[in-house]
Amino acid sequence: MPPENKVTAAKVWSDPTAKILDDLLAWVTAYENQGVGEPGAIRMKLKTLRLLCTNQQIVSLSVGPATQSSRTRITLAEVGDVLNAEGLPPVQLLPDTSFYNENATGGPVNQKVVPDNLVLLTPASLSDLGFTALGVSVTALELVNSNVSELTFGGAAGLVGIVEKVGPPYRQYTFVDATALPVLTQPRRLFIANV
């Protein structure tokens, strides 16, 4: 990914005086200047999108300057209207998912897949960025080489699930295994902003 596709907001977006709209417009222009077309989506967490609801620059564009309106907060729909009026792509919400990282510095933690302070500019369809390559897992290789399965090497790539029954006493174990690797084929079409 080109280093110029990783940027930082001029002022942290949790500050209501941050020029969020100016940041977004500058980043969309930088994206377009790479010759890859316009971004199709601005992707962020709901927590980040809610910061736009109280941002002075965006609120004043929606309801007028503070001298004309006492409102200091607008709705998510009004934020969308402001962004749309400025010709910006629609906001797509990123899921707030995390995974348990037992190897984290300082001990096990729930770690977010995408941190709250990141905003991504992407094509409308994420498949335009790349694809996920499926590989052959260790479990699949064992099944290919065993006489209890008719699995071929060509069919072994992807998600493999097996159920093993043992007993007495009778028990059933389910094993699921997969090998996958995301491949970014269009790195210039991904823009990451630390906000």
C-alpha atoms as a PDB file:
ATOM      1  CA  MET A   1       0.000   0.000   0.000  1.00  0.00           C
ATOM      2  CA  PRO A   2       1.466   3.407  -0.902  1.00  0.00           C
ATOM      3  CA  PRO A   3       2.618   5.289   2.212  1.00  0.00           C
ATOM      4  CA  GLU A   4       0.634   8.366   1.155  1.00  0.00           C
ATOM      5  CA  ASN A   5      -2.553   6.283   1.583  1.00  0.00           C
ATOM      6  CA  LYS A   6      -2.038   6.313   5.353  1.00  0.00           C
ATOM      7  CA  VAL A   7      -2.880   9.683   6.868  1.00  0.00           C
ATOM      8  CA  THR A   8      -3.696  11.263  10.208  1.00  0.00           C
ATOM      9  CA  ALA A   9      -6.426  13.809  10.854  1.00  0.00           C
ATOM     10  CA  ALA A  10      -5.236  17.385  11.405  1.00  0.00           C
ATOM     11  CA  LYS A  11      -6.986  17.339  14.803  1.00  0.00           C
ATOM     12  CA  VAL A  12      -8.333  14.296  16.641  1.00  0.00           C
ATOM     13  CA  TRP A  13     -12.020  13.850  15.746  1.00  0.00           C
ATOM     14  CA  SER A  14     -13.133  13.524  19.358  1.00  0.00           C
ATOM     15  CA  ASP A  15     -12.477  17.288  19.584  1.00  0.00           C
ATOM     16  CA  PRO A  16     -15.741  19.020  18.531  1.00  0.00           C
ATOM     17  CA  THR A  17     -13.718  21.790  16.843  1.00  0.00           C
ATOM     18  CA  ALA A  18     -11.918  19.364  14.498  1.00  0.00           C
ATOM     19  CA  LYS A  19     -12.432  20.168  10.812  1.00  0.00           C
ATOM     20  CA  ILE A  20     -13.790  16.712   9.966  1.00  0.00           C
ATOM     21  CA  LEU A  21     -15.383  17.752   6.678  1.00  0.00           C
ATOM     22  CA  ASP A  22     -12.140  19.396   5.539  1.00  0.00           C
ATOM     23  CA  ASP A  23     -10.269  16.179   6.366  1.00  0.00           C
ATOM     24  CA  LEU A  24     -12.720  14.020   4.413  1.00  0.00           C
ATOM     25  CA  LEU A  25     -12.716  16.310   1.376  1.00  0.00           C
ATOM     26  CA  ALA A  26      -8.901  16.398   1.312  1.00  0.00           C
ATOM     27  CA  TRP A  27      -8.667  12.605   1.588  1.00  0.00           C
ATOM     28  CA  VAL A  28     -11.213  12.004  -1.170  1.00  0.00           C
ATOM     29  CA  THR A  29      -9.263  14.390  -3.409  1.00  0.00           C
ATOM     30  CA  ALA A  30      -5.995  12.575  -2.625  1.00  0.00           C
ATOM     31  CA  TYR A  31      -7.714   9.244  -3.377  1.00  0.00           C
ATOM     32  CA  GLU A  32      -8.985  10.511  -6.736  1.00  0.00           C
ATOM     33  CA  ASN A  33      -5.585  12.031  -7.630  1.00  0.00           C
ATOM     34  CA  GLN A  34      -4.086   8.536  -7.692  1.00  0.00           C
ATOM     35  CA  GLY A  35      -6.039   7.786 -10.856  1.00  0.00           C
ATOM     36  CA  VAL A  36      -8.133   4.985  -9.335  1.00  0.00           C
ATOM     37  CA  GLY A  37     -11.476   6.781  -9.566  1.00  0.00           C
ATOM     38  CA  GLU A  38     -13.630   8.006  -6.721  1.00  0.00           C
ATOM     39  CA  PRO A  39     -13.991   6.099  -3.476  1.00  0.00           C
ATOM     40  CA  GLY A  40     -17.310   4.297  -3.267  1.00  0.00           C
ATOM     41  CA  ALA A  41     -17.612   4.260   0.519  1.00  0.00           C
ATOM     42  CA  ILE A  42     -16.346   5.837   3.703  1.00  0.00           C
ATOM     43  CA  ARG A  43     -16.108   3.014   6.242  1.00  0.00           C
ATOM     44  CA  MET A  44     -16.074   3.680   9.975  1.00  0.00           C
ATOM     45  CA  LYS A  45     -17.421   2.394  13.260  1.00  0.00           C
ATOM     46  CA  LEU A  46     -20.718   3.708  14.626  1.00  0.00           C
ATOM     47  CA  LYS A  47     -18.793   5.180  17.567  1.00  0.00           C
ATOM     48  CA  THR A  48     -16.737   7.259  15.116  1.00  0.00           C
ATOM     49  CA  LEU A  49     -19.773   8.271  13.066  1.00  0.00           C
ATOM     50  CA  ARG A  50     -21.441   9.583  16.220  1.00  0.00           C
ATOM     51  CA  LEU A  51     -18.527  12.024  16.640  1.00  0.00           C
ATOM     52  CA  LEU A  52     -19.732  13.713  13.457  1.00  0.00           C
ATOM     53  CA  CYS A  53     -23.126  14.348  15.112  1.00  0.00           C
ATOM     54  CA  THR A  54     -21.531  16.797  17.561  1.00  0.00           C
ATOM     55  CA  ASN A  55     -18.798  18.214  15.334  1.00  0.00           C
ATOM     56  CA  GLN A  56     -19.155  22.008  15.129  1.00  0.00           C
ATOM     57  CA  GLN A  57     -18.245  22.206  11.439  1.00  0.00           C
ATOM     58  CA  ILE A  58     -20.786  19.566  10.393  1.00  0.00           C
ATOM     59  CA  VAL A  59     -23.531  20.744  12.782  1.00  0.00           C
ATOM     60  CA  SER A  60     -23.234  24.327  11.495  1.00  0.00           C
ATOM     61  CA  LEU A  61     -23.543  23.127   7.882  1.00  0.00           C
ATOM     62  CA  SER A  62     -26.695  21.238   8.805  1.00  0.00           C
ATOM     63  CA  VAL A  63     -28.531  23.712  11.071  1.00  0.00           C
ATOM     64  CA  GLY A  64     -26.653  26.964  10.578  1.00  0.00           C
ATOM     65  CA  PRO A  65     -24.021  28.725  12.687  1.00  0.00           C
ATOM     66  CA  ALA A  66     -24.341  28.887  16.469  1.00  0.00           C
ATOM     67  CA  THR A  67     -25.651  32.462  16.161  1.00  0.00           C
ATOM     68  CA  GLN A  68     -28.717  31.133  14.289  1.00  0.00           C
ATOM     69  CA  SER A  69     -29.360  27.854  16.104  1.00  0.00           C
ATOM     70  CA  SER A  70     -28.877  26.551  19.622  1.00  0.00           C
ATOM     71  CA  ARG A  71     -28.539  22.944  18.426  1.00  0.00           C
ATOM     72  CA  THR A  72     -25.178  21.354  19.175  1.00  0.00           C
ATOM     73  CA  ARG A  73     -26.084  17.894  17.929  1.00  0.00           C
ATOM     74  CA  ILE A  74     -27.608  16.520  14.726  1.00  0.00           C
ATOM     75  CA  THR A  75     -28.889  13.082  13.791  1.00  0.00           C
ATOM     76  CA  LEU A  76     -27.060  10.437  11.805  1.00  0.00           C
ATOM     77  CA  ALA A  77     -29.455  11.107   8.913  1.00  0.00           C
ATOM     78  CA  GLU A  78     -28.533  14.804   8.988  1.00  0.00           C
ATOM     79  CA  VAL A  79     -24.837  13.890   8.971  1.00  0.00           C
ATOM     80  CA  GLY A  80     -25.496  11.761   5.882  1.00  0.00           C
ATOM     81  CA  ASP A  81     -27.282  14.705   4.236  1.00  0.00           C
ATOM     82  CA  VAL A  82     -24.283  17.002   4.870  1.00  0.00           C
ATOM     83  CA  LEU A  83     -21.796  14.482   3.477  1.00  0.00           C
ATOM     84  CA  ASN A  84     -24.014  13.804   0.456  1.00  0.00           C
ATOM     85  CA  ALA A  85     -24.411  17.550  -0.198  1.00  0.00           C
ATOM     86  CA  GLU A  86     -20.616  17.834  -0.299  1.00  0.00           C
ATOM     87  CA  GLY A  87     -20.374  15.022  -2.870  1.00  0.00           C
ATOM     88  CA  LEU A  88     -18.802  12.546  -0.480  1.00  0.00           C
ATOM     89  CA  PRO A  89     -19.465   8.806  -0.773  1.00  0.00           C
ATOM     90  CA  PRO A  90     -21.934   7.166   1.624  1.00  0.00           C
ATOM     91  CA  VAL A  91     -20.823   5.980   5.049  1.00  0.00           C
ATOM     92  CA  GLN A  92     -20.749   2.206   5.518  1.00  0.00           C
ATOM     93  CA  LEU A  93     -20.574   1.023   9.114  1.00  0.00           C
ATOM     94  CA  LEU A  94     -17.821  -1.372  10.097  1.00  0.00           C
ATOM     95  CA  PRO A  95     -18.861  -4.077  12.560  1.00  0.00           C
ATOM     96  CA  ASP A  96     -17.522  -3.624  16.069  1.00  0.00           C
ATOM     97  CA  THR A  97     -15.946  -7.064  16.335  1.00  0.00           C
ATOM     98  CA  SER A  98     -13.036  -8.231  18.447  1.00  0.00           C
ATOM     99  CA  PHE A  99     -11.029 -11.368  19.084  1.00  0.00           C
ATOM    100  CA  TYR A 100      -9.397 -12.758  22.185  1.00  0.00           C
ATOM    101  CA  ASN A 101      -5.651 -12.171  21.978  1.00  0.00           C
ATOM    102  CA  GLU A 102      -3.937 -14.237  24.634  1.00  0.00           C
ATOM    103  CA  ASN A 103      -0.480 -13.180  23.422  1.00  0.00           C
ATOM    104  CA  ALA A 104      -0.970  -9.439  23.838  1.00  0.00           C
ATOM    105  CA  THR A 105       1.639  -7.424  25.684  1.00  0.00           C
ATOM    106  CA  GLY A 106       0.484  -7.088  29.276  1.00  0.00           C
ATOM    107  CA  GLY A 107      -1.680 -10.207  29.189  1.00  0.00           C
ATOM    108  CA  PRO A 108      -4.761 -11.491  27.371  1.00  0.00           C
ATOM    109  CA  VAL A 109      -7.191  -8.901  26.014  1.00  0.00           C
ATOM    110  CA  ASN A 110     -10.143  -8.596  23.685  1.00  0.00           C
ATOM    111  CA  GLN A 111      -8.610  -6.840  20.689  1.00  0.00           C
ATOM    112  CA  LYS A 112     -10.691  -5.001  18.100  1.00  0.00           C
ATOM    113  CA  VAL A 113     -10.370  -6.221  14.520  1.00  0.00           C
ATOM    114  CA  VAL A 114     -10.522  -2.594  13.318  1.00  0.00           C
ATOM    115  CA  PRO A 115      -9.705   0.062  15.931  1.00  0.00           C
ATOM    116  CA  ASP A 116     -12.354   2.733  16.567  1.00  0.00           C
ATOM    117  CA  ASN A 117     -10.033   5.527  15.436  1.00  0.00           C
ATOM    118  CA  LEU A 118      -9.661   4.337  11.835  1.00  0.00           C
ATOM    119  CA  VAL A 119     -11.645   5.576   8.847  1.00  0.00           C
ATOM    120  CA  LEU A 120     -11.274   3.802   5.512  1.00  0.00           C
ATOM    121  CA  LEU A 121     -11.931   5.052   1.997  1.00  0.00           C
ATOM    122  CA  THR A 122     -12.640   2.091  -0.272  1.00  0.00           C
ATOM    123  CA  PRO A 123     -14.467   1.093  -3.426  1.00  0.00           C
ATOM    124  CA  ALA A 124     -18.194   0.488  -2.906  1.00  0.00           C
ATOM    125  CA  SER A 125     -17.582  -3.262  -3.194  1.00  0.00           C
ATOM    126  CA  LEU A 126     -14.743  -4.629  -1.110  1.00  0.00           C
ATOM    127  CA  SER A 127     -14.206  -7.334  -3.735  1.00  0.00           C
ATOM    128  CA  ASP A 128     -12.695  -4.569  -5.896  1.00  0.00           C
ATOM    129  CA  LEU A 129      -9.814  -4.369  -3.385  1.00  0.00           C
ATOM    130  CA  GLY A 130      -8.817  -8.009  -3.619  1.00  0.00           C
ATOM    131  CA  PHE A 131      -9.910 -11.490  -2.677  1.00  0.00           C
ATOM    132  CA  THR A 132      -9.492 -14.193  -0.078  1.00  0.00           C
ATOM    133  CA  ALA A 133      -7.327 -17.119  -1.181  1.00  0.00           C
ATOM    134  CA  LEU A 134      -8.300 -20.430   0.370  1.00  0.00           C
ATOM    135  CA  GLY A 135      -5.546 -22.892   1.138  1.00  0.00           C
ATOM    136  CA  VAL A 136      -5.238 -26.473   2.293  1.00  0.00           C
ATOM    137  CA  SER A 137      -5.308 -26.898   6.070  1.00  0.00           C
ATOM    138  CA  VAL A 138      -3.450 -29.542   8.042  1.00  0.00           C
ATOM    139  CA  THR A 139      -6.737 -31.322   8.777  1.00  0.00           C
ATOM    140  CA  ALA A 140      -7.580 -31.406   5.063  1.00  0.00           C
ATOM    141  CA  LEU A 141      -4.147 -32.889   4.253  1.00  0.00           C
ATOM    142  CA  GLU A 142      -4.693 -35.614   6.829  1.00  0.00           C
ATOM    143  CA  LEU A 143      -8.063 -36.437   5.283  1.00  0.00           C
ATOM    144  CA  VAL A 144      -6.593 -36.526   1.766  1.00  0.00           C
ATOM    145  CA  ASN A 145      -3.904 -38.973   2.922  1.00  0.00           C
ATOM    146  CA  SER A 146      -6.253 -41.154   4.975  1.00  0.00           C
ATOM    147  CA  ASN A 147      -8.302 -44.113   3.844  1.00  0.00           C
ATOM    148  CA  VAL A 148     -11.422 -42.924   5.695  1.00  0.00           C
ATOM    149  CA  SER A 149     -12.153 -40.117   3.250  1.00  0.00           C
ATOM    150  CA  GLU A 150     -12.562 -39.735  -0.495  1.00  0.00           C
ATOM    151  CA  LEU A 151     -11.296 -36.161  -0.368  1.00  0.00           C
ATOM    152  CA  THR A 152      -8.896 -35.199  -3.153  1.00  0.00           C
ATOM    153  CA  PHE A 153      -6.152 -32.609  -2.905  1.00  0.00           C
ATOM    154  CA  GLY A 154      -8.023 -30.365  -5.366  1.00  0.00           C
ATOM    155  CA  GLY A 155     -11.106 -30.414  -3.155  1.00  0.00           C
ATOM    156  CA  ALA A 156      -9.213 -29.900   0.099  1.00  0.00           C
ATOM    157  CA  ALA A 157      -8.863 -26.117  -0.074  1.00  0.00           C
ATOM    158  CA  GLY A 158     -11.155 -24.061   2.123  1.00  0.00           C
ATOM    159  CA  LEU A 159     -13.187 -24.876   5.185  1.00  0.00           C
ATOM    160  CA  VAL A 160     -13.083 -28.477   6.383  1.00  0.00           C
ATOM    161  CA  GLY A 161     -15.290 -29.898   9.101  1.00  0.00           C
ATOM    162  CA  ILE A 162     -15.223 -33.410  10.509  1.00  0.00           C
ATOM    163  CA  VAL A 163     -17.190 -35.218  13.183  1.00  0.00           C
ATOM    164  CA  GLU A 164     -15.415 -37.970  15.092  1.00  0.00           C
ATOM    165  CA  LYS A 165     -17.417 -40.455  17.137  1.00  0.00           C
ATOM    166  CA  VAL A 166     -15.706 -42.557  19.788  1.00  0.00           C
ATOM    167  CA  GLY A 167     -16.850 -44.795  22.568  1.00  0.00           C
ATOM    168  CA  PRO A 168     -17.923 -46.428  24.764  1.00  0.00           C
ATOM    169  CA  PRO A 169     -18.706 -44.231  26.563  1.00  0.00           C
ATOM    170  CA  TYR A 170     -19.916 -42.605  23.379  1.00  0.00           C
ATOM    171  CA  ARG A 171     -18.752 -39.111  22.621  1.00  0.00           C
ATOM    172  CA  GLN A 172     -18.776 -36.953  19.554  1.00  0.00           C
ATOM    173  CA  TYR A 173     -16.113 -34.378  18.643  1.00  0.00           C
ATOM    174  CA  THR A 174     -16.445 -31.787  15.911  1.00  0.00           C
ATOM    175  CA  PHE A 175     -13.358 -30.244  14.353  1.00  0.00           C
ATOM    176  CA  VAL A 176     -13.419 -27.324  11.912  1.00  0.00           C
ATOM    177  CA  ASP A 177     -10.300 -26.089  10.218  1.00  0.00           C
ATOM    178  CA  ALA A 178      -9.544 -23.575   7.481  1.00  0.00           C
ATOM    179  CA  THR A 179      -6.661 -21.760   5.889  1.00  0.00           C
ATOM    180  CA  ALA A 180      -7.354 -18.420   4.242  1.00  0.00           C
ATOM    181  CA  LEU A 181      -5.278 -15.407   3.291  1.00  0.00           C
ATOM    182  CA  PRO A 182      -6.650 -12.016   2.223  1.00  0.00           C
ATOM    183  CA  VAL A 183      -4.875 -10.747  -0.893  1.00  0.00           C
ATOM    184  CA  LEU A 184      -4.937  -6.996  -1.569  1.00  0.00           C
ATOM    185  CA  THR A 185      -4.708  -6.720  -5.379  1.00  0.00           C
ATOM    186  CA  GLN A 186      -5.611  -3.010  -5.587  1.00  0.00           C
ATOM    187  CA  PRO A 187      -3.719  -1.394  -2.674  1.00  0.00           C
ATOM    188  CA  ARG A 188      -4.029   2.125  -4.134  1.00  0.00           C
ATOM    189  CA  ARG A 189      -7.819   1.851  -3.746  1.00  0.00           C
ATOM    190  CA  LEU A 190      -7.525   1.566   0.059  1.00  0.00           C
ATOM    191  CA  PHE A 191      -7.020   4.748   2.089  1.00  0.00           C
ATOM    192  CA  ILE A 192      -6.602   4.545   5.869  1.00  0.00           C
ATOM    193  CA  ALA A 193      -7.038   7.593   8.107  1.00  0.00           C
ATOM    194  CA  ASN A 194      -6.181   7.710  11.782  1.00  0.00           C
ATOM    195  CA  VAL A 195      -8.760  10.009  13.353  1.00  0.00           C
END
